[in-house]
Amino acid sequence: AEEQHKAEIRAAEVRRRDVECSLSREVETVAALERALADARAECSALALRESEQAAEVQRWRDRDESLTRREDAASQAAHDAEQRTRAADQRYEEAEAAFAEATASVEADRERL
């Protein structure tokens, strides 16, 4: 009975060591998973920051594009206005030229009568 008791104790000791080894491996696995999780969180944070920076850059480009579009529209309007003023000035010049020709003809006619 004593031998059987010693054998049971040895078997229990072996099982205890197996459980300790298994527990140790589980603790190492949990630690590795925690490190991997921390790395993944850090990567997610870095990616979120990068995404935020890229979104800000996209917004800056959109703002520049809108600003350029407004400037382009203003320049186009200014060119259109200048074209209209040029046409009006050309019209006034033609009218003045015709009036001058008429006045010149009238002066010539008056000279001939004198």
Protein backbone atom coordinates (compact mmCIF):
# COMPACT_ATOMS: atom_id res chain seq x y z
CA ALA A 1 0.00 0.00 0.00
CA GLU A 2 2.87 2.29 0.78
CA GLU A 3 4.40 1.63 -2.66
CA GLN A 4 1.07 2.31 -4.27
CA HIS A 5 0.76 5.51 -2.27
CA LYS A 6 4.28 6.59 -3.37
CA ALA A 7 3.38 5.76 -6.99
CA GLU A 8 0.22 7.86 -6.71
CA ILE A 9 2.25 10.72 -5.24
CA ARG A 10 4.78 10.46 -8.10
CA ALA A 11 1.95 10.36 -10.65
CA ALA A 12 0.33 13.39 -9.00
CA GLU A 13 3.71 15.14 -9.03
CA VAL A 14 4.08 14.39 -12.77
CA ARG A 15 0.57 15.69 -13.43
CA ARG A 16 1.33 18.81 -11.37
CA ARG A 17 4.51 19.46 -13.42
CA ASP A 18 2.55 18.89 -16.64
CA VAL A 19 -0.10 21.36 -15.48
CA GLU A 20 2.61 23.87 -14.48
CA CYS A 21 4.30 23.52 -17.90
CA SER A 22 0.96 23.85 -19.65
CA LEU A 23 0.08 26.89 -17.52
CA SER A 24 3.50 28.42 -18.24
CA ARG A 25 2.96 27.94 -21.99
CA GLU A 26 -0.50 29.50 -21.68
CA VAL A 27 0.95 32.49 -19.80
CA GLU A 28 3.58 32.91 -22.55
CA THR A 29 0.87 32.66 -25.20
CA VAL A 30 -1.27 35.27 -23.43
CA ALA A 31 1.75 37.59 -23.12
CA ALA A 32 2.54 37.16 -26.83
CA LEU A 33 -1.10 37.86 -27.72
CA GLU A 34 -1.08 40.96 -25.50
CA ARG A 35 2.07 42.21 -27.27
CA ALA A 36 0.48 41.53 -30.66
CA LEU A 37 -2.67 43.35 -29.56
CA ALA A 38 -0.63 46.34 -28.36
CA ASP A 39 1.25 46.38 -31.68
CA ALA A 40 -2.04 46.21 -33.61
CA ARG A 41 -3.47 49.07 -31.53
CA ALA A 42 -0.37 51.16 -32.16
CA GLU A 43 -0.61 50.43 -35.88
CA CYS A 44 -4.32 51.36 -35.86
CA SER A 45 -3.50 54.63 -34.10
CA ALA A 46 -0.76 55.39 -36.62
CA LEU A 47 -3.11 54.58 -39.50
CA ALA A 48 -5.86 56.74 -38.00
CA LEU A 49 -3.41 59.63 -37.65
CA ARG A 50 -2.22 59.13 -41.23
CA GLU A 51 -5.82 59.00 -42.46
CA SER A 52 -6.58 62.22 -40.60
CA GLU A 53 -3.52 63.92 -42.10
CA GLN A 54 -4.49 62.73 -45.58
CA ALA A 55 -8.05 63.94 -45.10
CA ALA A 56 -6.68 67.35 -44.09
CA GLU A 57 -4.45 67.36 -47.18
CA VAL A 58 -7.41 66.46 -49.40
CA GLN A 59 -9.41 69.30 -47.84
CA ARG A 60 -6.52 71.73 -48.47
CA TRP A 61 -6.46 70.67 -52.13
CA ARG A 62 -10.24 71.02 -52.38
CA ASP A 63 -10.01 74.50 -50.85
CA ARG A 64 -7.24 75.44 -53.31
CA ASP A 65 -9.29 74.06 -56.18
CA GLU A 66 -12.34 76.06 -55.07
CA SER A 67 -10.18 79.17 -54.71
CA LEU A 68 -8.71 78.67 -58.17
CA THR A 69 -12.17 78.09 -59.59
CA ARG A 70 -13.41 81.31 -58.01
CA ARG A 71 -10.39 83.20 -59.36
CA GLU A 72 -10.87 81.64 -62.78
CA ASP A 73 -14.55 82.63 -62.75
CA ALA A 74 -13.65 86.17 -61.67
CA ALA A 75 -11.00 86.42 -64.40
CA SER A 76 -13.45 85.12 -66.98
CA GLN A 77 -16.05 87.66 -65.87
CA ALA A 78 -13.44 90.43 -65.96
CA ALA A 79 -12.43 89.38 -69.49
CA HIS A 80 -16.09 89.34 -70.53
CA ASP A 81 -16.63 92.79 -69.01
CA ALA A 82 -13.49 94.10 -70.73
CA GLU A 83 -14.68 92.67 -74.03
CA GLN A 84 -18.03 94.45 -73.63
CA ARG A 85 -16.29 97.71 -72.73
CA THR A 86 -14.02 97.31 -75.76
CA ARG A 87 -17.01 96.77 -78.04
CA ALA A 88 -18.73 99.81 -76.55
CA ALA A 89 -15.54 101.87 -76.98
CA ASP A 90 -15.21 100.63 -80.57
CA GLN A 91 -18.83 101.63 -81.18
CA ARG A 92 -18.25 105.10 -79.69
CA TYR A 93 -15.08 105.44 -81.79
CA GLU A 94 -16.95 104.52 -84.97
CA GLU A 95 -19.71 106.99 -84.07
CA ALA A 96 -17.13 109.69 -83.35
CA GLU A 97 -15.33 108.88 -86.59
CA ALA A 98 -18.61 109.14 -88.52
CA ALA A 99 -19.45 112.43 -86.77
CA PHE A 100 -15.96 113.73 -87.60
CA ALA A 101 -16.36 112.70 -91.23
CA GLU A 102 -19.78 114.38 -91.31
CA ALA A 103 -18.39 117.52 -89.69
CA THR A 104 -15.43 117.51 -92.10
CA ALA A 105 -17.81 117.13 -95.04
CA SER A 106 -19.95 119.97 -93.67
CA VAL A 107 -16.88 122.20 -93.29
CA GLU A 108 -15.78 121.36 -96.84
CA ALA A 109 -19.26 122.14 -98.11
CA ASP A 110 -19.22 125.47 -96.22
CA ARG A 111 -15.80 126.29 -97.71
CA GLU A 112 -17.01 125.58 -101.18
CA ARG A 113 -19.99 127.86 -100.70
CA LEU A 114 -17.73 130.63 -99.47
